């Protein structure tokens, strides 16, 4: 599953680790997590041919939260660089394509944090 590969790539990427340490989570972060941190979620659409399952098309939303606006951008750039166009096999997941489809940003008033949203599409087996 693509989530295993994303976690592996980000948690083993030195520029990402320098900015967020080990604060990389699937779906949600613990409420007491120190910013900055990364949270990602996925949607998977299987692709079939006459001979059966061929590969998955995965849409992944990666959110970066930070108390400092510029820091949120720095983390987003590091995450993007780590993932975009990164092909290969990571923890038994084969990635054939990795592209950014959209980038958005905002401010969460309740959490008092800036966020960057990086949307990516992956083809993977």
PDB file of N, CA and C in Angstrom:
ATOM      1  N   UNK A   1       0.828  -1.185   0.000  1.00  0.00           N
ATOM      2  CA  UNK A   1       0.000   0.000   0.000  1.00  0.00           C
ATOM      3  C   UNK A   1       0.876   1.254   0.000  1.00  0.00           C
ATOM      4  N   UNK A   2       0.408   2.250  -0.707  1.00  0.00           N
ATOM      5  CA  UNK A   2       1.190   3.469  -0.891  1.00  0.00           C
ATOM      6  C   UNK A   2       1.526   4.148   0.435  1.00  0.00           C
ATOM      7  N   UNK A   3       0.653   4.021   1.436  1.00  0.00           N
ATOM      8  CA  UNK A   3       0.916   4.684   2.708  1.00  0.00           C
ATOM      9  C   UNK A   3       2.198   4.174   3.363  1.00  0.00           C
ATOM     10  N   UNK A   4       2.481   2.882   3.220  1.00  0.00           N
ATOM     11  CA  UNK A   4       3.731   2.340   3.765  1.00  0.00           C
ATOM     12  C   UNK A   4       4.934   2.966   3.078  1.00  0.00           C
ATOM     13  N   UNK A   5       4.865   3.103   1.756  1.00  0.00           N
ATOM     14  CA  UNK A   5       5.979   3.679   1.001  1.00  0.00           C
ATOM     15  C   UNK A   5       6.177   5.157   1.343  1.00  0.00           C
ATOM     16  N   UNK A   6       5.091   5.902   1.448  1.00  0.00           N
ATOM     17  CA  UNK A   6       5.199   7.327   1.780  1.00  0.00           C
ATOM     18  C   UNK A   6       5.834   7.501   3.148  1.00  0.00           C
ATOM     19  N   UNK A   7       5.355   6.743   4.115  1.00  0.00           N
ATOM     20  CA  UNK A   7       5.931   6.845   5.456  1.00  0.00           C
ATOM     21  C   UNK A   7       7.424   6.505   5.426  1.00  0.00           C
ATOM     22  N   UNK A   8       7.773   5.441   4.734  1.00  0.00           N
ATOM     23  CA  UNK A   8       9.169   5.023   4.645  1.00  0.00           C
ATOM     24  C   UNK A   8      10.036   6.121   4.007  1.00  0.00           C
ATOM     25  N   UNK A   9       9.582   6.652   2.874  1.00  0.00           N
ATOM     26  CA  UNK A   9      10.367   7.670   2.166  1.00  0.00           C
ATOM     27  C   UNK A   9      10.554   8.899   3.036  1.00  0.00           C
ATOM     28  N   UNK A  10       9.474   9.409   3.612  1.00  0.00           N
ATOM     29  CA  UNK A  10       9.564  10.642   4.402  1.00  0.00           C
ATOM     30  C   UNK A  10      10.370  10.450   5.682  1.00  0.00           C
ATOM     31  N   UNK A  11      10.187   9.315   6.356  1.00  0.00           N
ATOM     32  CA  UNK A  11      10.890   9.114   7.628  1.00  0.00           C
ATOM     33  C   UNK A  11      12.364   8.786   7.435  1.00  0.00           C
ATOM     34  N   UNK A  12      12.773   8.498   6.205  1.00  0.00           N
ATOM     35  CA  UNK A  12      14.182   8.232   5.917  1.00  0.00           C
ATOM     36  C   UNK A  12      14.843   9.312   5.076  1.00  0.00           C
ATOM     37  N   UNK A  13      14.158  10.433   4.892  1.00  0.00           N
ATOM     38  CA  UNK A  13      14.689  11.541   4.107  1.00  0.00           C
ATOM     39  C   UNK A  13      15.304  12.568   5.054  1.00  0.00           C
ATOM     40  N   UNK A  14      16.612  12.803   4.937  1.00  0.00           N
ATOM     41  CA  UNK A  14      17.314  13.687   5.878  1.00  0.00           C
ATOM     42  C   UNK A  14      16.750  15.106   5.935  1.00  0.00           C
ATOM     43  N   UNK A  15      16.466  15.770   4.797  1.00  0.00           N
ATOM     44  CA  UNK A  15      15.894  17.127   4.896  1.00  0.00           C
ATOM     45  C   UNK A  15      14.527  17.153   5.595  1.00  0.00           C
ATOM     46  N   UNK A  16      13.686  16.155   5.358  1.00  0.00           N
ATOM     47  CA  UNK A  16      12.386  16.091   6.042  1.00  0.00           C
ATOM     48  C   UNK A  16      12.604  15.839   7.532  1.00  0.00           C
ATOM     49  N   UNK A  17      13.466  14.870   7.868  1.00  0.00           N
ATOM     50  CA  UNK A  17      13.736  14.558   9.273  1.00  0.00           C
ATOM     51  C   UNK A  17      14.311  15.761  10.012  1.00  0.00           C
ATOM     52  N   UNK A  18      15.133  16.562   9.336  1.00  0.00           N
ATOM     53  CA  UNK A  18      15.713  17.736   9.986  1.00  0.00           C
ATOM     54  C   UNK A  18      14.634  18.746  10.381  1.00  0.00           C
ATOM     55  N   UNK A  19      13.535  18.763   9.652  1.00  0.00           N
ATOM     56  CA  UNK A  19      12.473  19.736   9.916  1.00  0.00           C
ATOM     57  C   UNK A  19      11.378  19.214  10.846  1.00  0.00           C
ATOM     58  N   UNK A  20      11.035  17.919  10.736  1.00  0.00           N
ATOM     59  CA  UNK A  20       9.916  17.392  11.534  1.00  0.00           C
ATOM     60  C   UNK A  20      10.300  16.233  12.450  1.00  0.00           C
ATOM     61  N   UNK A  21      11.552  15.832  12.434  1.00  0.00           N
ATOM     62  CA  UNK A  21      12.010  14.690  13.227  1.00  0.00           C
ATOM     63  C   UNK A  21      11.193  13.454  12.838  1.00  0.00           C
ATOM     64  N   UNK A  22      10.564  12.803  13.788  1.00  0.00           N
ATOM     65  CA  UNK A  22       9.766  11.612  13.501  1.00  0.00           C
ATOM     66  C   UNK A  22       8.264  11.907  13.531  1.00  0.00           C
ATOM     67  N   UNK A  23       7.890  13.165  13.425  1.00  0.00           N
ATOM     68  CA  UNK A  23       6.480  13.565  13.518  1.00  0.00           C
ATOM     69  C   UNK A  23       5.798  13.472  12.146  1.00  0.00           C
ATOM     70  N   UNK A  24       5.649  12.238  11.679  1.00  0.00           N
ATOM     71  CA  UNK A  24       5.005  11.911  10.401  1.00  0.00           C
ATOM     72  C   UNK A  24       3.932  10.874  10.717  1.00  0.00           C
ATOM     73  N   UNK A  25       2.686  11.179  10.353  1.00  0.00           N
ATOM     74  CA  UNK A  25       1.561  10.338  10.774  1.00  0.00           C
ATOM     75  C   UNK A  25       0.611  10.055   9.619  1.00  0.00           C
ATOM     76  N   UNK A  26       0.006   8.877   9.651  1.00  0.00           N
ATOM     77  CA  UNK A  26      -1.089   8.552   8.738  1.00  0.00           C
ATOM     78  C   UNK A  26      -2.397   8.930   9.427  1.00  0.00           C
ATOM     79  N   UNK A  27      -3.255   9.629   8.708  1.00  0.00           N
ATOM     80  CA  UNK A  27      -4.609  10.001   9.108  1.00  0.00           C
ATOM     81  C   UNK A  27      -4.711  11.100  10.161  1.00  0.00           C
ATOM     82  N   UNK A  28      -4.043  10.945  11.288  1.00  0.00           N
ATOM     83  CA  UNK A  28      -4.164  11.962  12.336  1.00  0.00           C
ATOM     84  C   UNK A  28      -2.921  11.951  13.221  1.00  0.00           C
ATOM     85  N   UNK A  29      -2.667  13.087  13.829  1.00  0.00           N
ATOM     86  CA  UNK A  29      -1.551  13.203  14.764  1.00  0.00           C
ATOM     87  C   UNK A  29      -2.116  13.278  16.180  1.00  0.00           C
ATOM     88  N   UNK A  30      -1.390  12.747  17.148  1.00  0.00           N
ATOM     89  CA  UNK A  30      -1.841  12.902  18.532  1.00  0.00           C
ATOM     90  C   UNK A  30      -2.015  14.388  18.877  1.00  0.00           C
ATOM     91  N   UNK A  31      -2.978  14.676  19.700  1.00  0.00           N
ATOM     92  CA  UNK A  31      -3.315  16.066  20.032  1.00  0.00           C
ATOM     93  C   UNK A  31      -2.137  16.842  20.618  1.00  0.00           C
ATOM     94  N   UNK A  32      -1.243  16.160  21.281  1.00  0.00           N
ATOM     95  CA  UNK A  32      -0.117  16.835  21.931  1.00  0.00           C
ATOM     96  C   UNK A  32       1.131  16.924  21.046  1.00  0.00           C
ATOM     97  N   UNK A  33       1.001  16.600  19.757  1.00  0.00           N
ATOM     98  CA  UNK A  33       2.148  16.599  18.857  1.00  0.00           C
ATOM     99  C   UNK A  33       2.691  18.015  18.672  1.00  0.00           C
ATOM    100  N   UNK A  34       3.992  18.146  18.839  1.00  0.00           N
ATOM    101  CA  UNK A  34       4.665  19.430  18.660  1.00  0.00           C
ATOM    102  C   UNK A  34       4.790  19.736  17.162  1.00  0.00           C
ATOM    103  N   UNK A  35       4.488  20.961  16.793  1.00  0.00           N
ATOM    104  CA  UNK A  35       4.627  21.397  15.393  1.00  0.00           C
ATOM    105  C   UNK A  35       6.084  21.749  15.124  1.00  0.00           C
ATOM    106  N   UNK A  36       6.541  21.596  13.893  1.00  0.00           N
ATOM    107  CA  UNK A  36       5.814  21.173  12.705  1.00  0.00           C
ATOM    108  C   UNK A  36       5.677  19.656  12.626  1.00  0.00           C
ATOM    109  N   UNK A  37       4.636  19.211  11.909  1.00  0.00           N
ATOM    110  CA  UNK A  37       4.432  17.793  11.692  1.00  0.00           C
ATOM    111  C   UNK A  37       3.688  17.573  10.380  1.00  0.00           C
ATOM    112  N   UNK A  38       3.713  16.308   9.935  1.00  0.00           N
ATOM    113  CA  UNK A  38       3.120  15.915   8.653  1.00  0.00           C
ATOM    114  C   UNK A  38       2.055  14.855   8.915  1.00  0.00           C
ATOM    115  N   UNK A  39       0.908  15.004   8.248  1.00  0.00           N
ATOM    116  CA  UNK A  39      -0.163  14.014   8.294  1.00  0.00           C
ATOM    117  C   UNK A  39      -0.573  13.715   6.855  1.00  0.00           C
ATOM    118  N   UNK A  40      -0.762  12.431   6.537  1.00  0.00           N
ATOM    119  CA  UNK A  40      -1.178  12.107   5.175  1.00  0.00           C
ATOM    120  C   UNK A  40      -2.314  11.094   5.184  1.00  0.00           C
ATOM    121  N   UNK A  41      -3.119  11.136   4.117  1.00  0.00           N
ATOM    122  CA  UNK A  41      -4.195  10.162   3.933  1.00  0.00           C
ATOM    123  C   UNK A  41      -4.285   9.828   2.457  1.00  0.00           C
ATOM    124  N   UNK A  42      -4.903   8.692   2.154  1.00  0.00           N
ATOM    125  CA  UNK A  42      -4.907   8.218   0.779  1.00  0.00           C
ATOM    126  C   UNK A  42      -6.297   7.791   0.335  1.00  0.00           C
ATOM    127  N   UNK A  43      -6.487   7.799  -0.971  1.00  0.00           N
ATOM    128  CA  UNK A  43      -7.650   7.211  -1.636  1.00  0.00           C
ATOM    129  C   UNK A  43      -7.072   6.376  -2.765  1.00  0.00           C
ATOM    130  N   UNK A  44      -7.499   5.117  -2.858  1.00  0.00           N
ATOM    131  CA  UNK A  44      -6.920   4.202  -3.826  1.00  0.00           C
ATOM    132  C   UNK A  44      -7.998   3.714  -4.790  1.00  0.00           C
ATOM    133  N   UNK A  45      -7.683   3.779  -6.081  1.00  0.00           N
ATOM    134  CA  UNK A  45      -8.559   3.242  -7.119  1.00  0.00           C
ATOM    135  C   UNK A  45      -7.779   2.152  -7.847  1.00  0.00           C
ATOM    136  N   UNK A  46      -8.210   0.888  -7.713  1.00  0.00           N
ATOM    137  CA  UNK A  46      -7.530  -0.193  -8.417  1.00  0.00           C
ATOM    138  C   UNK A  46      -7.791  -0.104  -9.931  1.00  0.00           C
ATOM    139  N   UNK A  47      -6.784  -0.437 -10.721  1.00  0.00           N
ATOM    140  CA  UNK A  47      -6.913  -0.457 -12.180  1.00  0.00           C
ATOM    141  C   UNK A  47      -6.800  -1.914 -12.626  1.00  0.00           C
ATOM    142  N   UNK A  48      -7.820  -2.359 -13.364  1.00  0.00           N
ATOM    143  CA  UNK A  48      -7.873  -3.743 -13.831  1.00  0.00           C
ATOM    144  C   UNK A  48      -7.790  -3.809 -15.348  1.00  0.00           C
ATOM    145  N   UNK A  49      -7.237  -4.897 -15.842  1.00  0.00           N
ATOM    146  CA  UNK A  49      -7.241  -5.212 -17.268  1.00  0.00           C
ATOM    147  C   UNK A  49      -7.932  -6.573 -17.413  1.00  0.00           C
ATOM    148  N   UNK A  50      -7.974  -7.097 -18.610  1.00  0.00           N
ATOM    149  CA  UNK A  50      -8.603  -8.405 -18.840  1.00  0.00           C
ATOM    150  C   UNK A  50      -7.949  -9.510 -18.016  1.00  0.00           C
ATOM    151  N   UNK A  51      -6.667  -9.344 -17.718  1.00  0.00           N
ATOM    152  CA  UNK A  51      -5.960 -10.378 -16.966  1.00  0.00           C
ATOM    153  C   UNK A  51      -6.013 -10.165 -15.452  1.00  0.00           C
ATOM    154  N   UNK A  52      -6.728  -9.141 -14.987  1.00  0.00           N
ATOM    155  CA  UNK A  52      -6.862  -8.914 -13.547  1.00  0.00           C
ATOM    156  C   UNK A  52      -6.297  -7.575 -13.103  1.00  0.00           C
ATOM    157  N   UNK A  53      -6.008  -7.506 -11.799  1.00  0.00           N
ATOM    158  CA  UNK A  53      -5.487  -6.264 -11.218  1.00  0.00           C
ATOM    159  C   UNK A  53      -4.141  -5.931 -11.833  1.00  0.00           C
ATOM    160  N   UNK A  54      -3.997  -4.688 -12.272  1.00  0.00           N
ATOM    161  CA  UNK A  54      -2.761  -4.251 -12.915  1.00  0.00           C
ATOM    162  C   UNK A  54      -1.927  -3.385 -11.965  1.00  0.00           C
ATOM    163  N   UNK A  55      -2.553  -2.356 -11.360  1.00  0.00           N
ATOM    164  CA  UNK A  55      -1.877  -1.449 -10.429  1.00  0.00           C
ATOM    165  C   UNK A  55      -2.933  -0.595  -9.739  1.00  0.00           C
ATOM    166  N   UNK A  56      -2.506   0.206  -8.772  1.00  0.00           N
ATOM    167  CA  UNK A  56      -3.392   1.142  -8.083  1.00  0.00           C
ATOM    168  C   UNK A  56      -3.054   2.569  -8.492  1.00  0.00           C
ATOM    169  N   UNK A  57      -4.077   3.391  -8.606  1.00  0.00           N
ATOM    170  CA  UNK A  57      -3.897   4.834  -8.734  1.00  0.00           C
ATOM    171  C   UNK A  57      -4.276   5.423  -7.381  1.00  0.00           C
ATOM    172  N   UNK A  58      -3.294   5.991  -6.705  1.00  0.00           N
ATOM    173  CA  UNK A  58      -3.507   6.497  -5.355  1.00  0.00           C
ATOM    174  C   UNK A  58      -3.449   8.015  -5.341  1.00  0.00           C
ATOM    175  N   UNK A  59      -4.478   8.616  -4.767  1.00  0.00           N
ATOM    176  CA  UNK A  59      -4.501  10.063  -4.535  1.00  0.00           C
ATOM    177  C   UNK A  59      -4.177  10.270  -3.069  1.00  0.00           C
ATOM    178  N   UNK A  60      -3.175  11.072  -2.797  1.00  0.00           N
ATOM    179  CA  UNK A  60      -2.707  11.251  -1.422  1.00  0.00           C
ATOM    180  C   UNK A  60      -2.736  12.737  -1.065  1.00  0.00           C
ATOM    181  N   UNK A  61      -3.344  13.031   0.078  1.00  0.00           N
ATOM    182  CA  UNK A  61      -3.333  14.388   0.632  1.00  0.00           C
ATOM    183  C   UNK A  61      -2.315  14.408   1.762  1.00  0.00           C
ATOM    184  N   UNK A  62      -1.350  15.313   1.639  1.00  0.00           N
ATOM    185  CA  UNK A  62      -0.305  15.452   2.649  1.00  0.00           C
ATOM    186  C   UNK A  62      -0.446  16.834   3.255  1.00  0.00           C
ATOM    187  N   UNK A  63      -0.702  16.888   4.557  1.00  0.00           N
ATOM    188  CA  UNK A  63      -0.867  18.157   5.250  1.00  0.00           C
ATOM    189  C   UNK A  63       0.332  18.410   6.143  1.00  0.00           C
ATOM    190  N   UNK A  64       0.841  19.622   6.066  1.00  0.00           N
ATOM    191  CA  UNK A  64       1.967  20.034   6.881  1.00  0.00           C
ATOM    192  C   UNK A  64       1.471  21.136   7.797  1.00  0.00           C
ATOM    193  N   UNK A  65       1.632  20.958   9.101  1.00  0.00           N
ATOM    194  CA  UNK A  65       1.188  21.939  10.092  1.00  0.00           C
ATOM    195  C   UNK A  65       2.392  22.573  10.766  1.00  0.00           C
ATOM    196  N   UNK A  66       2.312  23.886  10.993  1.00  0.00           N
ATOM    197  CA  UNK A  66       3.392  24.601  11.669  1.00  0.00           C
ATOM    198  C   UNK A  66       2.847  25.856  12.324  1.00  0.00           C
ATOM    199  N   UNK A  67       3.473  26.251  13.411  1.00  0.00           N
ATOM    200  CA  UNK A  67       3.124  27.511  14.080  1.00  0.00           C
ATOM    201  C   UNK A  67       3.672  28.711  13.317  1.00  0.00           C
ATOM    202  N   UNK A  68       4.676  28.478  12.466  1.00  0.00           N
ATOM    203  CA  UNK A  68       5.337  29.549  11.715  1.00  0.00           C
ATOM    204  C   UNK A  68       5.072  29.335  10.227  1.00  0.00           C
ATOM    205  N   UNK A  69       4.495  30.338   9.566  1.00  0.00           N
ATOM    206  CA  UNK A  69       4.100  30.220   8.165  1.00  0.00           C
ATOM    207  C   UNK A  69       5.259  29.788   7.268  1.00  0.00           C
ATOM    208  N   UNK A  70       6.388  30.474   7.345  1.00  0.00           N
ATOM    209  CA  UNK A  70       7.527  30.175   6.475  1.00  0.00           C
ATOM    210  C   UNK A  70       8.019  28.742   6.703  1.00  0.00           C
ATOM    211  N   UNK A  71       7.971  28.284   7.941  1.00  0.00           N
ATOM    212  CA  UNK A  71       8.383  26.922   8.252  1.00  0.00           C
ATOM    213  C   UNK A  71       7.463  25.912   7.566  1.00  0.00           C
ATOM    214  N   UNK A  72       6.160  26.219   7.505  1.00  0.00           N
ATOM    215  CA  UNK A  72       5.235  25.295   6.835  1.00  0.00           C
ATOM    216  C   UNK A  72       5.602  25.145   5.357  1.00  0.00           C
ATOM    217  N   UNK A  73       6.033  26.217   4.744  1.00  0.00           N
ATOM    218  CA  UNK A  73       6.449  26.173   3.333  1.00  0.00           C
ATOM    219  C   UNK A  73       7.741  25.366   3.188  1.00  0.00           C
ATOM    220  N   UNK A  74       8.679  25.573   4.103  1.00  0.00           N
ATOM    221  CA  UNK A  74       9.940  24.826   4.050  1.00  0.00           C
ATOM    222  C   UNK A  74       9.701  23.316   4.160  1.00  0.00           C
ATOM    223  N   UNK A  75       8.830  22.919   5.066  1.00  0.00           N
ATOM    224  CA  UNK A  75       8.522  21.494   5.223  1.00  0.00           C
ATOM    225  C   UNK A  75       7.832  20.973   3.966  1.00  0.00           C
ATOM    226  N   UNK A  76       6.883  21.732   3.440  1.00  0.00           N
ATOM    227  CA  UNK A  76       6.181  21.312   2.225  1.00  0.00           C
ATOM    228  C   UNK A  76       7.159  21.108   1.077  1.00  0.00           C
ATOM    229  N   UNK A  77       8.107  22.015   0.912  1.00  0.00           N
ATOM    230  CA  UNK A  77       9.103  21.875  -0.156  1.00  0.00           C
ATOM    231  C   UNK A  77       9.956  20.626   0.039  1.00  0.00           C
ATOM    232  N   UNK A  78      10.341  20.347   1.269  1.00  0.00           N
ATOM    233  CA  UNK A  78      11.153  19.155   1.551  1.00  0.00           C
ATOM    234  C   UNK A  78      10.359  17.879   1.275  1.00  0.00           C
ATOM    235  N   UNK A  79       9.091  17.856   1.674  1.00  0.00           N
ATOM    236  CA  UNK A  79       8.235  16.695   1.421  1.00  0.00           C
ATOM    237  C   UNK A  79       8.039  16.508  -0.080  1.00  0.00           C
ATOM    238  N   UNK A  80       7.783  17.601  -0.769  1.00  0.00           N
ATOM    239  CA  UNK A  80       7.594  17.520  -2.221  1.00  0.00           C
ATOM    240  C   UNK A  80       8.833  16.970  -2.908  1.00  0.00           C
ATOM    241  N   UNK A  81       9.987  17.487  -2.544  1.00  0.00           N
ATOM    242  CA  UNK A  81      11.240  17.038  -3.141  1.00  0.00           C
ATOM    243  C   UNK A  81      11.481  15.557  -2.856  1.00  0.00           C
ATOM    244  N   UNK A  82      11.120  15.100  -1.662  1.00  0.00           N
ATOM    245  CA  UNK A  82      11.324  13.697  -1.297  1.00  0.00           C
ATOM    246  C   UNK A  82      10.425  12.756  -2.101  1.00  0.00           C
ATOM    247  N   UNK A  83       9.220  13.211  -2.444  1.00  0.00           N
ATOM    248  CA  UNK A  83       8.246  12.311  -3.060  1.00  0.00           C
ATOM    249  C   UNK A  83       8.084  12.469  -4.572  1.00  0.00           C
ATOM    250  N   UNK A  84       8.095  13.701  -5.058  1.00  0.00           N
ATOM    251  CA  UNK A  84       7.763  13.926  -6.466  1.00  0.00           C
ATOM    252  C   UNK A  84       8.796  13.269  -7.381  1.00  0.00           C
ATOM    253  N   UNK A  85       8.319  12.529  -8.378  1.00  0.00           N
ATOM    254  CA  UNK A  85       9.127  11.822  -9.370  1.00  0.00           C
ATOM    255  C   UNK A  85       9.965  10.704  -8.766  1.00  0.00           C
ATOM    256  N   UNK A  86       9.721  10.358  -7.514  1.00  0.00           N
ATOM    257  CA  UNK A  86      10.485   9.308  -6.850  1.00  0.00           C
ATOM    258  C   UNK A  86       9.909   7.948  -7.253  1.00  0.00           C
ATOM    259  N   UNK A  87      10.611   7.242  -8.092  1.00  0.00           N
ATOM    260  CA  UNK A  87      10.175   5.930  -8.575  1.00  0.00           C
ATOM    261  C   UNK A  87      11.061   4.861  -7.969  1.00  0.00           C
ATOM    262  N   UNK A  88      10.493   3.687  -7.805  1.00  0.00           N
ATOM    263  CA  UNK A  88      11.264   2.577  -7.271  1.00  0.00           C
ATOM    264  C   UNK A  88      10.418   1.740  -6.345  1.00  0.00           C
ATOM    265  N   UNK A  89      11.079   0.830  -5.633  1.00  0.00           N
ATOM    266  CA  UNK A  89      10.392  -0.041  -4.693  1.00  0.00           C
ATOM    267  C   UNK A  89      10.822   0.314  -3.286  1.00  0.00           C
ATOM    268  N   UNK A  90       9.822   0.581  -2.440  1.00  0.00           N
ATOM    269  CA  UNK A  90      10.044   0.990  -1.057  1.00  0.00           C
ATOM    270  C   UNK A  90       9.146   0.122  -0.180  1.00  0.00           C
ATOM    271  N   UNK A  91       9.735  -0.599   0.761  1.00  0.00           N
ATOM    272  CA  UNK A  91       9.023  -1.538   1.642  1.00  0.00           C
ATOM    273  C   UNK A  91       8.000  -2.362   0.869  1.00  0.00           C
ATOM    274  N   UNK A  92       8.456  -2.994  -0.191  1.00  0.00           N
ATOM    275  CA  UNK A  92       7.647  -3.886  -1.038  1.00  0.00           C
ATOM    276  C   UNK A  92       6.524  -3.192  -1.800  1.00  0.00           C
ATOM    277  N   UNK A  93       6.577  -1.874  -1.924  1.00  0.00           N
ATOM    278  CA  UNK A  93       5.601  -1.121  -2.718  1.00  0.00           C
ATOM    279  C   UNK A  93       6.346  -0.522  -3.902  1.00  0.00           C
ATOM    280  N   UNK A  94       5.900  -0.843  -5.101  1.00  0.00           N
ATOM    281  CA  UNK A  94       6.531  -0.342  -6.311  1.00  0.00           C
ATOM    282  C   UNK A  94       5.800   0.920  -6.779  1.00  0.00           C
ATOM    283  N   UNK A  95       6.533   2.029  -6.840  1.00  0.00           N
ATOM    284  CA  UNK A  95       5.969   3.298  -7.307  1.00  0.00           C
ATOM    285  C   UNK A  95       6.449   3.527  -8.736  1.00  0.00           C
ATOM    286  N   UNK A  96       5.491   3.676  -9.654  1.00  0.00           N
ATOM    287  CA  UNK A  96       5.825   3.916 -11.053  1.00  0.00           C
ATOM    288  C   UNK A  96       5.748   5.376 -11.431  1.00  0.00           C
ATOM    289  N   UNK A  97       4.972   6.157 -10.699  1.00  0.00           N
ATOM    290  CA  UNK A  97       4.814   7.571 -11.005  1.00  0.00           C
ATOM    291  C   UNK A  97       4.392   8.295  -9.729  1.00  0.00           C
ATOM    292  N   UNK A  98       4.885   9.512  -9.544  1.00  0.00           N
ATOM    293  CA  UNK A  98       4.543  10.325  -8.376  1.00  0.00           C
ATOM    294  C   UNK A  98       4.533  11.785  -8.811  1.00  0.00           C
ATOM    295  N   UNK A  99       3.330  12.369  -8.838  1.00  0.00           N
ATOM    296  CA  UNK A  99       3.193  13.746  -9.329  1.00  0.00           C
ATOM    297  C   UNK A  99       2.350  14.599  -8.396  1.00  0.00           C
ATOM    298  N   UNK A 100       2.750  15.841  -8.252  1.00  0.00           N
ATOM    299  CA  UNK A 100       1.944  16.812  -7.512  1.00  0.00           C
ATOM    300  C   UNK A 100       0.816  17.274  -8.419  1.00  0.00           C
ATOM    301  N   UNK A 101      -0.398  17.290  -7.881  1.00  0.00           N
ATOM    302  CA  UNK A 101      -1.554  17.750  -8.655  1.00  0.00           C
ATOM    303  C   UNK A 101      -2.084  19.085  -8.161  1.00  0.00           C
ATOM    304  N   UNK A 102      -1.795  19.438  -6.896  1.00  0.00           N
ATOM    305  CA  UNK A 102      -2.317  20.682  -6.343  1.00  0.00           C
ATOM    306  C   UNK A 102      -1.584  21.005  -5.044  1.00  0.00           C
ATOM    307  N   UNK A 103      -1.463  22.288  -4.779  1.00  0.00           N
ATOM    308  CA  UNK A 103      -0.907  22.761  -3.510  1.00  0.00           C
ATOM    309  C   UNK A 103      -1.826  23.857  -3.007  1.00  0.00           C
ATOM    310  N   UNK A 104      -2.172  23.784  -1.735  1.00  0.00           N
ATOM    311  CA  UNK A 104      -3.070  24.757  -1.122  1.00  0.00           C
ATOM    312  C   UNK A 104      -2.509  25.096   0.255  1.00  0.00           C
ATOM    313  N   UNK A 105      -2.986  26.179   0.835  1.00  0.00           N
ATOM    314  CA  UNK A 105      -2.533  26.543   2.168  1.00  0.00           C
ATOM    315  C   UNK A 105      -3.660  27.208   2.937  1.00  0.00           C
ATOM    316  N   UNK A 106      -3.477  27.312   4.228  1.00  0.00           N
ATOM    317  CA  UNK A 106      -4.487  27.949   5.046  1.00  0.00           C
ATOM    318  C   UNK A 106      -4.005  28.122   6.468  1.00  0.00           C
ATOM    319  N   UNK A 107      -4.960  28.536   7.304  1.00  0.00           N
ATOM    320  CA  UNK A 107      -4.678  28.752   8.722  1.00  0.00           C
ATOM    321  C   UNK A 107      -5.806  28.130   9.521  1.00  0.00           C
ATOM    322  N   UNK A 108      -5.461  27.293  10.486  1.00  0.00           N
ATOM    323  CA  UNK A 108      -6.448  26.669  11.361  1.00  0.00           C
ATOM    324  C   UNK A 108      -6.525  27.498  12.634  1.00  0.00           C
ATOM    325  N   UNK A 109      -7.602  28.258  12.767  1.00  0.00           N
ATOM    326  CA  UNK A 109      -7.770  29.181  13.895  1.00  0.00           C
ATOM    327  C   UNK A 109      -7.825  28.426  15.220  1.00  0.00           C
ATOM    328  N   UNK A 110      -8.544  27.315  15.243  1.00  0.00           N
ATOM    329  CA  UNK A 110      -8.687  26.550  16.485  1.00  0.00           C
ATOM    330  C   UNK A 110      -7.348  25.994  16.961  1.00  0.00           C
ATOM    331  N   UNK A 111      -6.549  25.471  16.028  1.00  0.00           N
ATOM    332  CA  UNK A 111      -5.239  24.904  16.379  1.00  0.00           C
ATOM    333  C   UNK A 111      -4.153  25.969  16.447  1.00  0.00           C
ATOM    334  N   UNK A 112      -4.449  27.165  15.928  1.00  0.00           N
ATOM    335  CA  UNK A 112      -3.476  28.263  15.868  1.00  0.00           C
ATOM    336  C   UNK A 112      -2.228  27.822  15.101  1.00  0.00           C
ATOM    337  N   UNK A 113      -2.493  27.237  13.897  1.00  0.00           N
ATOM    338  CA  UNK A 113      -1.388  26.754  13.073  1.00  0.00           C
ATOM    339  C   UNK A 113      -1.654  27.024  11.598  1.00  0.00           C
ATOM    340  N   UNK A 114      -0.575  27.250  10.888  1.00  0.00           N
ATOM    341  CA  UNK A 114      -0.631  27.335   9.422  1.00  0.00           C
ATOM    342  C   UNK A 114      -0.551  25.919   8.879  1.00  0.00           C
ATOM    343  N   UNK A 115      -1.116  25.724   7.699  1.00  0.00           N
ATOM    344  CA  UNK A 115      -0.985  24.419   7.070  1.00  0.00           C
ATOM    345  C   UNK A 115      -0.789  24.568   5.570  1.00  0.00           C
ATOM    346  N   UNK A 116      -0.068  23.623   5.031  1.00  0.00           N
ATOM    347  CA  UNK A 116       0.127  23.466   3.595  1.00  0.00           C
ATOM    348  C   UNK A 116      -0.483  22.125   3.226  1.00  0.00           C
ATOM    349  N   UNK A 117      -1.223  22.084   2.134  1.00  0.00           N
ATOM    350  CA  UNK A 117      -1.793  20.829   1.649  1.00  0.00           C
ATOM    351  C   UNK A 117      -1.162  20.515   0.303  1.00  0.00           C
ATOM    352  N   UNK A 118      -0.548  19.375   0.231  1.00  0.00           N
ATOM    353  CA  UNK A 118       0.108  18.902  -0.981  1.00  0.00           C
ATOM    354  C   UNK A 118      -0.685  17.690  -1.466  1.00  0.00           C
ATOM    355  N   UNK A 119      -1.291  17.805  -2.646  1.00  0.00           N
ATOM    356  CA  UNK A 119      -2.040  16.690  -3.223  1.00  0.00           C
ATOM    357  C   UNK A 119      -1.184  16.025  -4.279  1.00  0.00           C
ATOM    358  N   UNK A 120      -1.081  14.694  -4.190  1.00  0.00           N
ATOM    359  CA  UNK A 120      -0.235  13.955  -5.122  1.00  0.00           C
ATOM    360  C   UNK A 120      -0.956  12.728  -5.636  1.00  0.00           C
ATOM    361  N   UNK A 121      -0.619  12.336  -6.858  1.00  0.00           N
ATOM    362  CA  UNK A 121      -1.090  11.089  -7.443  1.00  0.00           C
ATOM    363  C   UNK A 121       0.086  10.156  -7.636  1.00  0.00           C
ATOM    364  N   UNK A 122      -0.142   8.895  -7.309  1.00  0.00           N
ATOM    365  CA  UNK A 122       0.868   7.850  -7.448  1.00  0.00           C
ATOM    366  C   UNK A 122       0.273   6.694  -8.246  1.00  0.00           C
ATOM    367  N   UNK A 123       1.093   6.048  -9.071  1.00  0.00           N
ATOM    368  CA  UNK A 123       0.745   4.746  -9.587  1.00  0.00           C
ATOM    369  C   UNK A 123       1.649   3.770  -8.854  1.00  0.00           C
ATOM    370  N   UNK A 124       1.050   2.713  -8.326  1.00  0.00           N
ATOM    371  CA  UNK A 124       1.826   1.818  -7.489  1.00  0.00           C
ATOM    372  C   UNK A 124       1.282   0.403  -7.489  1.00  0.00           C
ATOM    373  N   UNK A 125       2.179  -0.527  -7.172  1.00  0.00           N
ATOM    374  CA  UNK A 125       1.817  -1.953  -7.033  1.00  0.00           C
ATOM    375  C   UNK A 125       2.241  -2.431  -5.662  1.00  0.00           C
TER     376      UNK A 125
END
